[in-house]
Amino acid sequence: MNIDFAKYSDGLVPAIVQDADTQKVLMLGFMNEEAWNMTQEIAKVTFYSRSKHRLWTKGEESGNFLEFRSAAVDCDNDTLLIKAHPVGPVCHTGADTCWNEKNEAENFVYYLEHIIEQRKNASPEESYIAKLFQKGLNKIAQKVGEEAIETVIEAKDNDENLFLNEAADLLFHYLILLNAKGYALKDVERILRQRHKK
């Protein structure tokens, strides 16, 4: 990838950061060549701070890192599009983006995946998700089977509320199973997109 760091006199290029899963735009920062190299080296998005006049890895103080996934440069080779996985809120205000948006508003299922990831290592006494993970993969898979059967049973009746609640339970436990197997909904989406192209 050819990035033109010499185009501007300060050697910086804008770096737009986008959530690799939800595609939501998270923030804008600036990178010089050193920041770009550091981002690739440590797999955490690193900027050049114009106020501190030094490299700044997002999350170095808060722990809310941006885990680097991929990057693309625009047609003029002077602006980066960084795709990353946010670990916690992105903005210093506590919002999910620097435009004060919450990811759960438009992409709740992907937000729920993040919640599952965060809670699976919590105390089993405090989290249902952690309790399921403690019981192991077989129990998690069993719950998906149970919820699938209950969804089918409710589909045969005409109670919309019961059907939708069982469908929600099924989707929730399916997301937990994907996580337990080391996957995410985007992996399933990729296969569906590949099938759609055929």
N, C-alpha and C. Protein backbone atom coordinates (compact mmCIF):
# COMPACT_ATOMS: atom_id res chain seq x y z
N MET A 1 0.85 -1.18 0.00
CA MET A 1 0.00 0.00 0.00
C MET A 1 0.89 1.23 0.00
N ASN A 2 0.63 2.14 -0.91
CA ASN A 2 1.46 3.33 -1.07
C ASN A 2 0.75 4.53 -0.43
N ILE A 3 1.25 4.98 0.72
CA ILE A 3 0.67 6.11 1.43
C ILE A 3 1.58 7.31 1.24
N ASP A 4 1.02 8.43 0.78
CA ASP A 4 1.82 9.62 0.50
C ASP A 4 1.91 10.51 1.73
N PHE A 5 2.83 10.17 2.63
CA PHE A 5 3.00 10.95 3.85
C PHE A 5 3.66 12.30 3.56
N ALA A 6 4.26 12.45 2.38
CA ALA A 6 4.95 13.70 2.04
C ALA A 6 4.03 14.73 1.42
N LYS A 7 2.78 14.39 1.20
CA LYS A 7 1.86 15.30 0.51
C LYS A 7 1.62 16.58 1.33
N TYR A 8 1.53 16.42 2.65
CA TYR A 8 1.31 17.58 3.51
C TYR A 8 2.60 17.88 4.27
N SER A 9 2.83 19.14 4.55
CA SER A 9 4.11 19.57 5.12
C SER A 9 4.39 18.97 6.50
N ASP A 10 3.33 18.61 7.25
CA ASP A 10 3.55 18.05 8.58
C ASP A 10 3.75 16.53 8.55
N GLY A 11 3.65 15.92 7.36
CA GLY A 11 3.88 14.48 7.23
C GLY A 11 2.75 13.62 7.76
N LEU A 12 1.59 14.23 8.00
CA LEU A 12 0.45 13.51 8.55
C LEU A 12 -0.61 13.26 7.49
N VAL A 13 -1.29 12.14 7.60
CA VAL A 13 -2.44 11.87 6.75
C VAL A 13 -3.64 11.57 7.66
N PRO A 14 -4.85 11.98 7.24
CA PRO A 14 -6.03 11.65 8.02
C PRO A 14 -6.26 10.14 8.03
N ALA A 15 -6.70 9.62 9.17
CA ALA A 15 -7.01 8.20 9.30
C ALA A 15 -8.41 8.06 9.88
N ILE A 16 -9.34 7.65 9.03
CA ILE A 16 -10.73 7.43 9.45
C ILE A 16 -10.81 6.01 9.99
N VAL A 17 -11.37 5.86 11.19
CA VAL A 17 -11.47 4.54 11.80
C VAL A 17 -12.91 4.08 11.77
N GLN A 18 -13.11 2.87 11.26
CA GLN A 18 -14.42 2.27 11.09
C GLN A 18 -14.47 0.95 11.83
N ASP A 19 -15.61 0.66 12.47
CA ASP A 19 -15.79 -0.61 13.15
C ASP A 19 -15.77 -1.73 12.11
N ALA A 20 -14.88 -2.69 12.26
CA ALA A 20 -14.73 -3.77 11.28
C ALA A 20 -15.98 -4.63 11.19
N ASP A 21 -16.77 -4.68 12.26
CA ASP A 21 -17.98 -5.51 12.27
C ASP A 21 -19.22 -4.75 11.83
N THR A 22 -19.46 -3.61 12.45
CA THR A 22 -20.71 -2.88 12.19
C THR A 22 -20.59 -1.89 11.04
N GLN A 23 -19.35 -1.56 10.63
CA GLN A 23 -19.05 -0.58 9.59
C GLN A 23 -19.34 0.86 10.03
N LYS A 24 -19.66 1.07 11.30
CA LYS A 24 -19.92 2.42 11.79
C LYS A 24 -18.61 3.19 11.87
N VAL A 25 -18.63 4.47 11.46
CA VAL A 25 -17.45 5.32 11.56
C VAL A 25 -17.27 5.70 13.03
N LEU A 26 -16.07 5.44 13.56
CA LEU A 26 -15.82 5.62 14.99
C LEU A 26 -15.14 6.94 15.33
N MET A 27 -14.10 7.27 14.58
CA MET A 27 -13.34 8.48 14.91
C MET A 27 -12.42 8.85 13.75
N LEU A 28 -11.81 10.02 13.88
CA LEU A 28 -10.81 10.48 12.92
C LEU A 28 -9.56 10.85 13.69
N GLY A 29 -8.42 10.40 13.20
CA GLY A 29 -7.14 10.77 13.79
C GLY A 29 -6.15 11.05 12.67
N PHE A 30 -4.91 11.27 13.04
CA PHE A 30 -3.86 11.52 12.06
C PHE A 30 -2.69 10.58 12.30
N MET A 31 -2.11 10.12 11.21
CA MET A 31 -0.96 9.23 11.30
C MET A 31 0.20 9.77 10.49
N ASN A 32 1.40 9.62 11.05
CA ASN A 32 2.60 9.79 10.23
C ASN A 32 3.11 8.37 9.93
N GLU A 33 4.21 8.29 9.25
CA GLU A 33 4.70 6.96 8.85
C GLU A 33 5.03 6.10 10.06
N GLU A 34 5.56 6.73 11.10
CA GLU A 34 5.92 5.99 12.30
C GLU A 34 4.67 5.42 12.99
N ALA A 35 3.60 6.21 13.03
CA ALA A 35 2.35 5.76 13.65
C ALA A 35 1.75 4.60 12.84
N TRP A 36 1.83 4.70 11.53
CA TRP A 36 1.32 3.64 10.66
C TRP A 36 2.10 2.34 10.90
N ASN A 37 3.42 2.45 10.97
CA ASN A 37 4.25 1.27 11.21
C ASN A 37 3.96 0.66 12.58
N MET A 38 3.78 1.50 13.59
CA MET A 38 3.47 1.02 14.94
C MET A 38 2.12 0.32 14.97
N THR A 39 1.14 0.87 14.27
CA THR A 39 -0.20 0.26 14.20
C THR A 39 -0.10 -1.17 13.70
N GLN A 40 0.68 -1.37 12.65
CA GLN A 40 0.83 -2.72 12.10
C GLN A 40 1.64 -3.63 13.03
N GLU A 41 2.63 -3.05 13.67
CA GLU A 41 3.52 -3.85 14.53
C GLU A 41 2.81 -4.38 15.77
N ILE A 42 2.02 -3.52 16.44
CA ILE A 42 1.39 -3.94 17.70
C ILE A 42 -0.08 -4.32 17.52
N ALA A 43 -0.60 -4.15 16.30
CA ALA A 43 -2.01 -4.48 15.98
C ALA A 43 -3.00 -3.68 16.82
N LYS A 44 -2.60 -2.48 17.22
CA LYS A 44 -3.49 -1.54 17.89
C LYS A 44 -3.34 -0.20 17.18
N VAL A 45 -4.47 0.45 16.89
CA VAL A 45 -4.42 1.68 16.12
C VAL A 45 -3.67 2.76 16.90
N THR A 46 -2.65 3.30 16.25
CA THR A 46 -1.77 4.31 16.85
C THR A 46 -1.76 5.54 15.96
N PHE A 47 -1.92 6.70 16.58
CA PHE A 47 -1.94 7.97 15.85
C PHE A 47 -0.72 8.80 16.22
N TYR A 48 -0.58 9.90 15.50
CA TYR A 48 0.35 10.94 15.93
C TYR A 48 -0.50 12.03 16.56
N SER A 49 -0.31 12.30 17.84
CA SER A 49 -1.07 13.31 18.54
C SER A 49 -0.51 14.69 18.23
N ARG A 50 -1.34 15.53 17.63
CA ARG A 50 -0.90 16.89 17.29
C ARG A 50 -0.80 17.77 18.53
N SER A 51 -1.52 17.42 19.59
CA SER A 51 -1.45 18.22 20.81
C SER A 51 -0.29 17.78 21.70
N LYS A 52 -0.01 16.48 21.75
CA LYS A 52 1.08 15.96 22.59
C LYS A 52 2.40 15.87 21.84
N HIS A 53 2.32 16.00 20.51
CA HIS A 53 3.52 15.94 19.66
C HIS A 53 4.29 14.63 19.84
N ARG A 54 3.53 13.53 19.84
CA ARG A 54 4.16 12.21 19.97
C ARG A 54 3.17 11.15 19.48
N LEU A 55 3.68 9.91 19.35
CA LEU A 55 2.79 8.81 19.00
C LEU A 55 1.83 8.56 20.16
N TRP A 56 0.61 8.18 19.80
CA TRP A 56 -0.42 7.95 20.80
C TRP A 56 -1.24 6.74 20.37
N THR A 57 -1.14 5.66 21.13
CA THR A 57 -1.95 4.48 20.86
C THR A 57 -3.30 4.67 21.53
N LYS A 58 -4.36 4.65 20.73
CA LYS A 58 -5.71 4.83 21.28
C LYS A 58 -5.95 3.78 22.36
N GLY A 59 -6.32 4.24 23.57
CA GLY A 59 -6.58 3.32 24.67
C GLY A 59 -5.40 3.12 25.60
N GLU A 60 -4.28 3.80 25.35
CA GLU A 60 -3.10 3.57 26.19
C GLU A 60 -3.34 3.96 27.64
N GLU A 61 -4.27 4.88 27.89
CA GLU A 61 -4.61 5.25 29.26
C GLU A 61 -5.92 4.61 29.72
N SER A 62 -6.91 4.59 28.85
CA SER A 62 -8.25 4.09 29.22
C SER A 62 -8.39 2.58 29.11
N GLY A 63 -7.54 1.96 28.29
CA GLY A 63 -7.69 0.53 28.02
C GLY A 63 -8.68 0.25 26.91
N ASN A 64 -9.29 1.31 26.36
CA ASN A 64 -10.25 1.16 25.26
C ASN A 64 -9.52 1.19 23.92
N PHE A 65 -8.79 0.12 23.65
CA PHE A 65 -7.99 0.05 22.44
C PHE A 65 -8.85 -0.14 21.19
N LEU A 66 -8.25 0.15 20.06
CA LEU A 66 -8.82 -0.17 18.76
C LEU A 66 -7.93 -1.25 18.16
N GLU A 67 -8.41 -2.48 18.15
CA GLU A 67 -7.62 -3.59 17.63
C GLU A 67 -7.63 -3.53 16.10
N PHE A 68 -6.47 -3.38 15.52
CA PHE A 68 -6.32 -3.20 14.07
C PHE A 68 -6.71 -4.46 13.31
N ARG A 69 -7.55 -4.29 12.28
CA ARG A 69 -7.96 -5.41 11.44
C ARG A 69 -7.44 -5.27 10.01
N SER A 70 -7.63 -4.10 9.41
CA SER A 70 -7.19 -3.91 8.02
C SER A 70 -7.15 -2.41 7.71
N ALA A 71 -6.60 -2.09 6.54
CA ALA A 71 -6.54 -0.69 6.14
C ALA A 71 -6.60 -0.58 4.62
N ALA A 72 -7.08 0.57 4.16
CA ALA A 72 -7.09 0.89 2.74
C ALA A 72 -6.72 2.35 2.59
N VAL A 73 -6.12 2.69 1.48
CA VAL A 73 -5.77 4.08 1.20
C VAL A 73 -6.66 4.57 0.07
N ASP A 74 -6.99 5.86 0.08
CA ASP A 74 -7.90 6.38 -0.94
C ASP A 74 -7.19 6.56 -2.28
N CYS A 75 -7.95 7.05 -3.27
CA CYS A 75 -7.43 7.15 -4.65
C CYS A 75 -6.28 8.14 -4.79
N ASP A 76 -6.17 9.09 -3.85
CA ASP A 76 -5.07 10.07 -3.89
C ASP A 76 -3.90 9.66 -3.01
N ASN A 77 -4.02 8.50 -2.37
CA ASN A 77 -2.96 7.98 -1.49
C ASN A 77 -2.65 8.88 -0.30
N ASP A 78 -3.64 9.68 0.13
CA ASP A 78 -3.36 10.60 1.24
C ASP A 78 -4.38 10.54 2.38
N THR A 79 -5.24 9.54 2.37
CA THR A 79 -6.19 9.34 3.46
C THR A 79 -6.36 7.85 3.70
N LEU A 80 -6.29 7.45 4.97
CA LEU A 80 -6.42 6.04 5.32
C LEU A 80 -7.81 5.73 5.84
N LEU A 81 -8.30 4.55 5.51
CA LEU A 81 -9.51 4.00 6.11
C LEU A 81 -9.06 2.79 6.92
N ILE A 82 -9.13 2.91 8.23
CA ILE A 82 -8.70 1.84 9.14
C ILE A 82 -9.92 1.10 9.63
N LYS A 83 -9.91 -0.22 9.51
CA LYS A 83 -10.97 -1.03 10.10
C LYS A 83 -10.43 -1.68 11.36
N ALA A 84 -11.19 -1.54 12.44
CA ALA A 84 -10.69 -1.97 13.74
C ALA A 84 -11.84 -2.54 14.58
N HIS A 85 -11.44 -3.28 15.61
CA HIS A 85 -12.40 -3.79 16.59
C HIS A 85 -12.25 -2.96 17.85
N PRO A 86 -13.28 -2.18 18.22
CA PRO A 86 -13.16 -1.35 19.42
C PRO A 86 -13.32 -2.17 20.70
N VAL A 87 -12.43 -1.96 21.64
CA VAL A 87 -12.53 -2.60 22.95
C VAL A 87 -13.02 -1.53 23.91
N GLY A 88 -14.32 -1.43 24.08
CA GLY A 88 -14.90 -0.40 24.92
C GLY A 88 -15.27 0.84 24.13
N PRO A 89 -15.75 1.89 24.81
CA PRO A 89 -16.14 3.13 24.13
C PRO A 89 -14.96 3.74 23.40
N VAL A 90 -15.24 4.39 22.29
CA VAL A 90 -14.17 5.00 21.49
C VAL A 90 -13.91 6.44 21.94
N CYS A 91 -14.97 7.19 22.21
CA CYS A 91 -14.81 8.60 22.54
C CYS A 91 -14.48 8.78 24.02
N HIS A 92 -13.72 9.84 24.33
CA HIS A 92 -13.38 10.14 25.72
C HIS A 92 -14.62 10.49 26.55
N THR A 93 -15.74 10.80 25.87
CA THR A 93 -16.98 11.12 26.58
C THR A 93 -17.70 9.86 27.06
N GLY A 94 -17.24 8.69 26.56
CA GLY A 94 -17.91 7.43 26.90
C GLY A 94 -18.84 6.94 25.81
N ALA A 95 -18.99 7.72 24.74
CA ALA A 95 -19.85 7.31 23.62
C ALA A 95 -19.11 6.30 22.74
N ASP A 96 -19.87 5.56 21.96
CA ASP A 96 -19.28 4.55 21.09
C ASP A 96 -18.53 5.16 19.91
N THR A 97 -18.88 6.38 19.54
CA THR A 97 -18.18 7.07 18.46
C THR A 97 -17.92 8.50 18.90
N CYS A 98 -17.09 9.20 18.14
CA CYS A 98 -16.79 10.60 18.46
C CYS A 98 -17.90 11.54 18.00
N TRP A 99 -18.96 10.96 17.45
CA TRP A 99 -20.14 11.73 17.08
C TRP A 99 -21.29 11.43 18.04
N ASN A 100 -20.91 10.92 19.22
CA ASN A 100 -21.85 10.66 20.31
C ASN A 100 -22.94 9.66 19.92
N GLU A 101 -22.57 8.67 19.11
CA GLU A 101 -23.52 7.65 18.71
C GLU A 101 -23.28 6.38 19.49
N LYS A 102 -24.32 5.62 19.66
CA LYS A 102 -24.23 4.32 20.32
C LYS A 102 -24.41 3.24 19.27
N ASN A 103 -23.49 2.29 19.22
CA ASN A 103 -23.57 1.21 18.24
C ASN A 103 -24.83 0.38 18.37
N GLU A 104 -25.35 0.26 19.60
CA GLU A 104 -26.50 -0.59 19.77
C GLU A 104 -27.74 -0.03 19.08
N ALA A 105 -27.76 1.28 18.78
CA ALA A 105 -28.96 1.88 18.18
C ALA A 105 -29.26 1.29 16.82
N GLU A 106 -28.25 1.17 15.96
CA GLU A 106 -28.49 0.71 14.60
C GLU A 106 -28.00 -0.72 14.38
N ASN A 107 -27.11 -1.18 15.19
CA ASN A 107 -26.50 -2.48 14.98
C ASN A 107 -26.53 -3.29 16.27
N PHE A 108 -27.72 -3.45 16.82
CA PHE A 108 -27.83 -4.03 18.15
C PHE A 108 -27.28 -5.46 18.22
N VAL A 109 -27.47 -6.25 17.17
CA VAL A 109 -26.99 -7.64 17.21
C VAL A 109 -25.47 -7.67 17.33
N TYR A 110 -24.78 -6.78 16.60
CA TYR A 110 -23.33 -6.72 16.69
C TYR A 110 -22.90 -6.18 18.06
N TYR A 111 -23.66 -5.22 18.57
CA TYR A 111 -23.40 -4.72 19.92
C TYR A 111 -23.54 -5.85 20.93
N LEU A 112 -24.56 -6.69 20.74
CA LEU A 112 -24.78 -7.82 21.64
C LEU A 112 -23.60 -8.79 21.60
N GLU A 113 -23.00 -8.97 20.43
CA GLU A 113 -21.80 -9.81 20.34
C GLU A 113 -20.68 -9.27 21.22
N HIS A 114 -20.54 -7.95 21.24
CA HIS A 114 -19.51 -7.35 22.09
C HIS A 114 -19.82 -7.58 23.57
N ILE A 115 -21.09 -7.49 23.92
CA ILE A 115 -21.49 -7.73 25.31
C ILE A 115 -21.17 -9.17 25.71
N ILE A 116 -21.48 -10.12 24.81
CA ILE A 116 -21.18 -11.54 25.08
C ILE A 116 -19.68 -11.73 25.30
N GLU A 117 -18.88 -11.11 24.46
CA GLU A 117 -17.42 -11.23 24.59
C GLU A 117 -16.94 -10.67 25.93
N GLN A 118 -17.52 -9.55 26.35
CA GLN A 118 -17.11 -8.93 27.60
C GLN A 118 -17.54 -9.75 28.81
N ARG A 119 -18.73 -10.32 28.76
CA ARG A 119 -19.29 -10.98 29.94
C ARG A 119 -18.91 -12.45 30.09
N LYS A 120 -18.35 -13.06 29.07
CA LYS A 120 -18.07 -14.49 29.17
C LYS A 120 -17.02 -14.81 30.23
N ASN A 121 -16.19 -13.84 30.56
CA ASN A 121 -15.17 -14.05 31.58
C ASN A 121 -15.51 -13.39 32.91
N ALA A 122 -16.76 -12.96 33.05
CA ALA A 122 -17.20 -12.36 34.31
C ALA A 122 -17.45 -13.45 35.34
N SER A 123 -17.89 -13.05 36.50
CA SER A 123 -18.23 -14.02 37.54
C SER A 123 -19.52 -14.75 37.17
N PRO A 124 -19.52 -16.09 37.21
CA PRO A 124 -20.74 -16.85 36.88
C PRO A 124 -21.91 -16.53 37.81
N GLU A 125 -21.60 -16.03 38.99
CA GLU A 125 -22.67 -15.65 39.91
C GLU A 125 -23.36 -14.36 39.47
N GLU A 126 -22.68 -13.57 38.66
CA GLU A 126 -23.21 -12.27 38.26
C GLU A 126 -23.68 -12.23 36.82
N SER A 127 -23.30 -13.21 36.01
CA SER A 127 -23.62 -13.16 34.59
C SER A 127 -24.12 -14.52 34.08
N TYR A 128 -25.28 -14.50 33.46
CA TYR A 128 -25.83 -15.71 32.84
C TYR A 128 -24.90 -16.22 31.74
N ILE A 129 -24.33 -15.29 30.98
CA ILE A 129 -23.42 -15.65 29.90
C ILE A 129 -22.20 -16.37 30.46
N ALA A 130 -21.61 -15.81 31.50
CA ALA A 130 -20.43 -16.43 32.12
C ALA A 130 -20.77 -17.81 32.67
N LYS A 131 -21.97 -17.95 33.23
CA LYS A 131 -22.41 -19.23 33.79
C LYS A 131 -22.50 -20.28 32.68
N LEU A 132 -23.02 -19.88 31.51
CA LEU A 132 -23.10 -20.82 30.38
C LEU A 132 -21.71 -21.23 29.91
N PHE A 133 -20.80 -20.26 29.80
CA PHE A 133 -19.44 -20.57 29.37
C PHE A 133 -18.74 -21.49 30.37
N GLN A 134 -19.03 -21.31 31.64
CA GLN A 134 -18.43 -22.16 32.67
C GLN A 134 -18.88 -23.62 32.49
N LYS A 135 -20.12 -23.82 32.03
CA LYS A 135 -20.66 -25.17 31.86
C LYS A 135 -20.11 -25.85 30.60
N GLY A 136 -19.54 -25.07 29.69
CA GLY A 136 -18.87 -25.66 28.54
C GLY A 136 -19.68 -25.66 27.25
N LEU A 137 -19.00 -26.05 26.18
CA LEU A 137 -19.57 -26.01 24.83
C LEU A 137 -20.81 -26.89 24.68
N ASN A 138 -20.79 -28.08 25.28
CA ASN A 138 -21.94 -28.98 25.15
C ASN A 138 -23.22 -28.35 25.69
N LYS A 139 -23.11 -27.67 26.84
CA LYS A 139 -24.28 -27.02 27.43
C LYS A 139 -24.76 -25.86 26.57
N ILE A 140 -23.81 -25.10 26.03
CA ILE A 140 -24.17 -23.98 25.16
C ILE A 140 -24.90 -24.49 23.92
N ALA A 141 -24.37 -25.55 23.30
CA ALA A 141 -25.01 -26.13 22.11
C ALA A 141 -26.39 -26.70 22.46
N GLN A 142 -26.48 -27.31 23.62
CA GLN A 142 -27.77 -27.86 24.08
C GLN A 142 -28.82 -26.76 24.21
N LYS A 143 -28.41 -25.60 24.74
CA LYS A 143 -29.35 -24.48 24.89
C LYS A 143 -29.85 -24.00 23.54
N VAL A 144 -28.97 -23.99 22.54
CA VAL A 144 -29.40 -23.59 21.19
C VAL A 144 -30.46 -24.57 20.68
N GLY A 145 -30.22 -25.86 20.89
CA GLY A 145 -31.19 -26.87 20.48
C GLY A 145 -32.53 -26.70 21.18
N GLU A 146 -32.49 -26.46 22.48
CA GLU A 146 -33.72 -26.26 23.25
C GLU A 146 -34.50 -25.04 22.74
N GLU A 147 -33.77 -23.94 22.53
CA GLU A 147 -34.43 -22.72 22.07
C GLU A 147 -34.98 -22.89 20.65
N ALA A 148 -34.30 -23.67 19.82
CA ALA A 148 -34.79 -23.92 18.45
C ALA A 148 -36.11 -24.69 18.50
N ILE A 149 -36.16 -25.71 19.34
CA ILE A 149 -37.39 -26.50 19.48
C ILE A 149 -38.53 -25.62 19.99
N GLU A 150 -38.26 -24.79 21.00
CA GLU A 150 -39.30 -23.93 21.55
C GLU A 150 -39.78 -22.91 20.51
N THR A 151 -38.87 -22.44 19.65
CA THR A 151 -39.25 -21.52 18.59
C THR A 151 -40.17 -22.20 17.59
N VAL A 152 -39.84 -23.43 17.22
CA VAL A 152 -40.67 -24.19 16.28
C VAL A 152 -42.06 -24.43 16.87
N ILE A 153 -42.11 -24.79 18.15
CA ILE A 153 -43.40 -25.04 18.81
C ILE A 153 -44.27 -23.78 18.79
N GLU A 154 -43.67 -22.64 19.12
CA GLU A 154 -44.43 -21.39 19.14
C GLU A 154 -44.81 -20.93 17.74
N ALA A 155 -44.04 -21.32 16.72
CA ALA A 155 -44.36 -20.96 15.34
C ALA A 155 -45.67 -21.59 14.88
N LYS A 156 -46.03 -22.73 15.49
CA LYS A 156 -47.25 -23.44 15.09
C LYS A 156 -48.49 -22.81 15.69
N ASP A 157 -48.31 -21.98 16.72
CA ASP A 157 -49.45 -21.30 17.34
C ASP A 157 -49.56 -19.88 16.79
N ASN A 158 -50.52 -19.14 17.29
CA ASN A 158 -50.75 -17.79 16.79
C ASN A 158 -50.44 -16.70 17.81
N ASP A 159 -49.60 -17.03 18.80
CA ASP A 159 -49.23 -16.04 19.79
C ASP A 159 -47.95 -15.35 19.35
N GLU A 160 -48.09 -14.18 18.75
CA GLU A 160 -46.95 -13.45 18.19
C GLU A 160 -45.90 -13.14 19.26
N ASN A 161 -46.35 -12.75 20.45
CA ASN A 161 -45.44 -12.38 21.52
C ASN A 161 -44.57 -13.56 21.94
N LEU A 162 -45.18 -14.72 22.14
CA LEU A 162 -44.41 -15.91 22.54
C LEU A 162 -43.43 -16.32 21.45
N PHE A 163 -43.90 -16.29 20.20
CA PHE A 163 -43.02 -16.68 19.08
C PHE A 163 -41.80 -15.76 19.00
N LEU A 164 -42.03 -14.44 19.05
CA LEU A 164 -40.92 -13.50 18.92
C LEU A 164 -39.95 -13.60 20.09
N ASN A 165 -40.47 -13.85 21.29
CA ASN A 165 -39.58 -14.01 22.45
C ASN A 165 -38.74 -15.27 22.33
N GLU A 166 -39.32 -16.35 21.85
CA GLU A 166 -38.54 -17.58 21.65
C GLU A 166 -37.51 -17.38 20.54
N ALA A 167 -37.89 -16.65 19.48
CA ALA A 167 -36.95 -16.36 18.40
C ALA A 167 -35.78 -15.53 18.92
N ALA A 168 -36.06 -14.58 19.82
CA ALA A 168 -35.00 -13.76 20.42
C ALA A 168 -34.08 -14.63 21.27
N ASP A 169 -34.67 -15.55 22.05
CA ASP A 169 -33.85 -16.47 22.86
C ASP A 169 -32.95 -17.32 21.98
N LEU A 170 -33.49 -17.77 20.84
CA LEU A 170 -32.71 -18.60 19.92
C LEU A 170 -31.54 -17.82 19.35
N LEU A 171 -31.80 -16.60 18.90
CA LEU A 171 -30.72 -15.78 18.32
C LEU A 171 -29.65 -15.47 19.37
N PHE A 172 -30.06 -15.15 20.56
CA PHE A 172 -29.13 -14.84 21.64
C PHE A 172 -28.21 -16.03 21.93
N HIS A 173 -28.78 -17.20 22.07
CA HIS A 173 -27.98 -18.38 22.37
C HIS A 173 -27.13 -18.82 21.17
N TYR A 174 -27.62 -18.56 19.97
CA TYR A 174 -26.83 -18.83 18.76
C TYR A 174 -25.58 -17.96 18.74
N LEU A 175 -25.71 -16.67 19.12
CA LEU A 175 -24.56 -15.78 19.17
C LEU A 175 -23.55 -16.26 20.22
N ILE A 176 -24.04 -16.77 21.33
CA ILE A 176 -23.15 -17.32 22.36
C ILE A 176 -22.40 -18.53 21.81
N LEU A 177 -23.11 -19.41 21.08
CA LEU A 177 -22.48 -20.59 20.50
C LEU A 177 -21.41 -20.20 19.49
N LEU A 178 -21.70 -19.22 18.64
CA LEU A 178 -20.69 -18.75 17.67
C LEU A 178 -19.44 -18.27 18.41
N ASN A 179 -19.63 -17.49 19.46
CA ASN A 179 -18.50 -16.99 20.23
C ASN A 179 -17.71 -18.13 20.85
N ALA A 180 -18.42 -19.11 21.40
CA ALA A 180 -17.75 -20.25 22.04
C ALA A 180 -16.91 -21.04 21.05
N LYS A 181 -17.32 -21.03 19.79
CA LYS A 181 -16.57 -21.73 18.74
C LYS A 181 -15.49 -20.86 18.11
N GLY A 182 -15.39 -19.59 18.58
CA GLY A 182 -14.37 -18.70 18.06
C GLY A 182 -14.78 -17.94 16.81
N TYR A 183 -16.08 -17.85 16.58
CA TYR A 183 -16.58 -17.15 15.39
C TYR A 183 -17.51 -16.02 15.78
N ALA A 184 -17.92 -15.26 14.78
CA ALA A 184 -18.87 -14.17 14.98
C ALA A 184 -19.88 -14.19 13.84
N LEU A 185 -20.92 -13.40 13.97
CA LEU A 185 -21.97 -13.37 12.96
C LEU A 185 -21.42 -12.98 11.59
N LYS A 186 -20.39 -12.14 11.56
CA LYS A 186 -19.81 -11.73 10.28
C LYS A 186 -19.25 -12.93 9.51
N ASP A 187 -18.79 -13.97 10.21
CA ASP A 187 -18.28 -15.17 9.54
C ASP A 187 -19.40 -15.91 8.82
N VAL A 188 -20.57 -15.94 9.44
CA VAL A 188 -21.73 -16.56 8.81
C VAL A 188 -22.22 -15.69 7.66
N GLU A 189 -22.20 -14.37 7.87
CA GLU A 189 -22.60 -13.44 6.80
C GLU A 189 -21.74 -13.64 5.57
N ARG A 190 -20.44 -13.83 5.77
CA ARG A 190 -19.52 -13.99 4.65
C ARG A 190 -19.91 -15.20 3.80
N ILE A 191 -20.27 -16.29 4.45
CA ILE A 191 -20.69 -17.49 3.72
C ILE A 191 -21.99 -17.23 2.96
N LEU A 192 -22.93 -16.54 3.61
CA LEU A 192 -24.19 -16.23 2.94
C LEU A 192 -23.96 -15.33 1.72
N ARG A 193 -23.04 -14.37 1.85
CA ARG A 193 -22.73 -13.50 0.71
C ARG A 193 -22.10 -14.30 -0.44
N GLN A 194 -21.22 -15.24 -0.09
CA GLN A 194 -20.60 -16.07 -1.11
C GLN A 194 -21.65 -16.92 -1.83
N ARG A 195 -22.60 -17.47 -1.07
CA ARG A 195 -23.67 -18.26 -1.68
C ARG A 195 -24.55 -17.39 -2.57
N HIS A 196 -24.79 -16.16 -2.14
CA HIS A 196 -25.66 -15.25 -2.88
C HIS A 196 -25.06 -14.91 -4.25
N LYS A 197 -23.73 -14.91 -4.35
CA LYS A 197 -23.05 -14.56 -5.60
C LYS A 197 -23.14 -15.67 -6.63
N LYS A 198 -23.44 -16.90 -6.17
CA LYS A 198 -23.45 -18.04 -7.10
C LYS A 198 -24.69 -18.02 -7.98
